C-alpha atoms as a PDB file:
ATOM      1  CA  MET A   1       7.484   0.256  20.213  1.00  0.00           C
ATOM      2  CA  GLU A   2       4.188   0.747  22.056  1.00  0.00           C
ATOM      3  CA  THR A   3       3.220   3.674  19.838  1.00  0.00           C
ATOM      4  CA  GLU A   4       3.884   1.596  16.730  1.00  0.00           C
ATOM      5  CA  ALA A   5       1.659  -1.208  18.045  1.00  0.00           C
ATOM      6  CA  ILE A   6      -1.159   1.261  18.675  1.00  0.00           C
ATOM      7  CA  LYS A   7      -0.780   2.788  15.196  1.00  0.00           C
ATOM      8  CA  LYS A   8      -0.845  -0.669  13.627  1.00  0.00           C
ATOM      9  CA  VAL A   9      -4.054  -1.745  15.376  1.00  0.00           C
ATOM     10  CA  CYS A  10      -5.719   1.543  14.388  1.00  0.00           C
ATOM     11  CA  LYS A  11      -4.709   1.184  10.732  1.00  0.00           C
ATOM     12  CA  ASP A  12      -5.854  -2.441  10.679  1.00  0.00           C
ATOM     13  CA  LEU A  13      -9.129  -1.488  12.347  1.00  0.00           C
ATOM     14  CA  LEU A  14      -9.862   1.292   9.864  1.00  0.00           C
ATOM     15  CA  ALA A  15      -9.111  -0.988   6.924  1.00  0.00           C
ATOM     16  CA  LYS A  16     -11.430  -3.678   8.294  1.00  0.00           C
ATOM     17  CA  LEU A  17     -14.214  -1.216   9.048  1.00  0.00           C
ATOM     18  CA  LYS A  18     -14.012   0.295   5.568  1.00  0.00           C
ATOM     19  CA  THR A  19     -14.160  -3.076   3.812  1.00  0.00           C
ATOM     20  CA  GLU A  20     -16.571  -4.978   6.048  1.00  0.00           C
ATOM     21  CA  LYS A  21     -18.633  -2.782   8.356  1.00  0.00           C
ATOM     22  CA  LEU A  22     -19.149   0.680   6.887  1.00  0.00           C
ATOM     23  CA  VAL A  23     -21.791  -0.393   4.411  1.00  0.00           C
ATOM     24  CA  LEU A  24     -24.405   1.726   2.693  1.00  0.00           C
ATOM     25  CA  ALA A  25     -26.373   3.759   5.259  1.00  0.00           C
ATOM     26  CA  TRP A  26     -24.585   1.981   8.118  1.00  0.00           C
ATOM     27  CA  ARG A  27     -25.451   4.746  10.580  1.00  0.00           C
ATOM     28  CA  THR A  28     -29.211   4.331  10.124  1.00  0.00           C
ATOM     29  CA  LYS A  29     -29.382   0.705  11.279  1.00  0.00           C
ATOM     30  CA  ARG A  30     -28.967  -0.072  14.958  1.00  0.00           C
ATOM     31  CA  THR A  31     -27.541  -3.543  14.295  1.00  0.00           C
ATOM     32  CA  THR A  32     -24.951  -2.198  11.868  1.00  0.00           C
ATOM     33  CA  ARG A  33     -23.885   0.527  14.299  1.00  0.00           C
ATOM     34  CA  ALA A  34     -23.601  -2.101  17.015  1.00  0.00           C
ATOM     35  CA  ALA A  35     -21.469  -4.298  14.738  1.00  0.00           C
ATOM     36  CA  VAL A  36     -19.095  -1.376  14.167  1.00  0.00           C
ATOM     37  CA  ARG A  37     -18.860  -0.758  17.928  1.00  0.00           C
ATOM     38  CA  VAL A  38     -18.188  -4.463  18.623  1.00  0.00           C
ATOM     39  CA  GLU A  39     -15.504  -4.577  15.934  1.00  0.00           C
ATOM     40  CA  ILE A  40     -13.795  -1.533  17.457  1.00  0.00           C
ATOM     41  CA  GLU A  41     -13.837  -3.163  20.895  1.00  0.00           C
ATOM     42  CA  THR A  42     -12.594  -6.506  19.547  1.00  0.00           C
ATOM     43  CA  MET A  43      -9.724  -5.028  17.556  1.00  0.00           C
ATOM     44  CA  LEU A  44      -8.608  -2.681  20.324  1.00  0.00           C
ATOM     45  CA  ASP A  45      -8.843  -5.437  22.916  1.00  0.00           C
ATOM     46  CA  SER A  46      -6.519  -7.627  20.884  1.00  0.00           C
ATOM     47  CA  GLY A  47      -4.119  -4.868  19.878  1.00  0.00           C
ATOM     48  CA  LEU A  48      -3.754  -2.339  22.667  1.00  0.00           C
ATOM     49  CA  PRO A  49      -1.056  -2.772  25.309  1.00  0.00           C
ATOM     50  CA  GLU A  50      -2.071  -4.591  28.499  1.00  0.00           C
ATOM     51  CA  LYS A  51      -1.492  -1.485  30.607  1.00  0.00           C
ATOM     52  CA  TYR A  52      -4.761   0.052  29.385  1.00  0.00           C
ATOM     53  CA  THR A  53      -7.202  -0.054  32.293  1.00  0.00           C
ATOM     54  CA  THR A  54     -10.817  -1.075  31.724  1.00  0.00           C
ATOM     55  CA  GLU A  55     -11.916   2.530  32.178  1.00  0.00           C
ATOM     56  CA  LEU A  56      -9.345   3.857  29.699  1.00  0.00           C
ATOM     57  CA  PHE A  57     -10.171   1.077  27.235  1.00  0.00           C
ATOM     58  CA  GLU A  58     -13.885   1.909  27.375  1.00  0.00           C
ATOM     59  CA  THR A  59     -13.124   5.614  26.964  1.00  0.00           C
ATOM     60  CA  LYS A  60     -10.956   4.950  23.907  1.00  0.00           C
ATOM     61  CA  CYS A  61     -13.557   2.645  22.349  1.00  0.00           C
ATOM     62  CA  GLY A  62     -16.295   5.225  22.860  1.00  0.00           C
ATOM     63  CA  ALA A  63     -14.191   8.055  21.441  1.00  0.00           C
ATOM     64  CA  LEU A  64     -13.171   5.998  18.430  1.00  0.00           C
ATOM     65  CA  PHE A  65     -16.752   4.910  17.736  1.00  0.00           C
ATOM     66  CA  GLN A  66     -17.915   8.535  17.940  1.00  0.00           C
ATOM     67  CA  HIS A  67     -15.136   9.573  15.572  1.00  0.00           C
ATOM     68  CA  VAL A  68     -16.074   6.900  13.024  1.00  0.00           C
ATOM     69  CA  LEU A  69     -19.760   7.790  13.370  1.00  0.00           C
ATOM     70  CA  GLU A  70     -19.049  11.448  12.587  1.00  0.00           C
ATOM     71  CA  LYS A  71     -16.278  11.157  10.011  1.00  0.00           C
ATOM     72  CA  TYR A  72     -17.366   8.137   7.929  1.00  0.00           C
ATOM     73  CA  PRO A  73     -20.994   8.893   7.090  1.00  0.00           C
ATOM     74  CA  ASP A  74     -21.581   6.339   4.341  1.00  0.00           C
ATOM     75  CA  GLN A  75     -20.034   3.448   2.460  1.00  0.00           C
ATOM     76  CA  GLY A  76     -16.806   4.628   0.854  1.00  0.00           C
ATOM     77  CA  ALA A  77     -17.311   8.163   2.155  1.00  0.00           C
ATOM     78  CA  SER A  78     -15.065  10.061   4.528  1.00  0.00           C
ATOM     79  CA  VAL A  79     -14.689  13.696   5.454  1.00  0.00           C
ATOM     80  CA  TYR A  80     -10.972  13.185   4.835  1.00  0.00           C
ATOM     81  CA  GLY A  81     -11.584  12.407   1.172  1.00  0.00           C
ATOM     82  CA  GLU A  82     -13.423  15.699   0.795  1.00  0.00           C
ATOM     83  CA  ALA A  83     -10.568  17.832   2.130  1.00  0.00           C
ATOM     84  CA  GLY A  84      -7.902  19.146  -0.164  1.00  0.00           C
END
């Protein structure tokens, strides 16, 4: 059950980021990058199980932000769309 809740919040987060936050050249603007980071923190805070400590939560947010920064370079673009 816990794993399903985590998967759901991640899918919802990615969908929201793709439609609302990952705009054209989003990585070049500090405010846009910050908005992506805040959205990650907000969605994970509301969706992750309570047993996540503050330290673990911050680690997960940072890792997820770094992943999005590297793998979703531009609006509508993803390294995953290029594979295959």
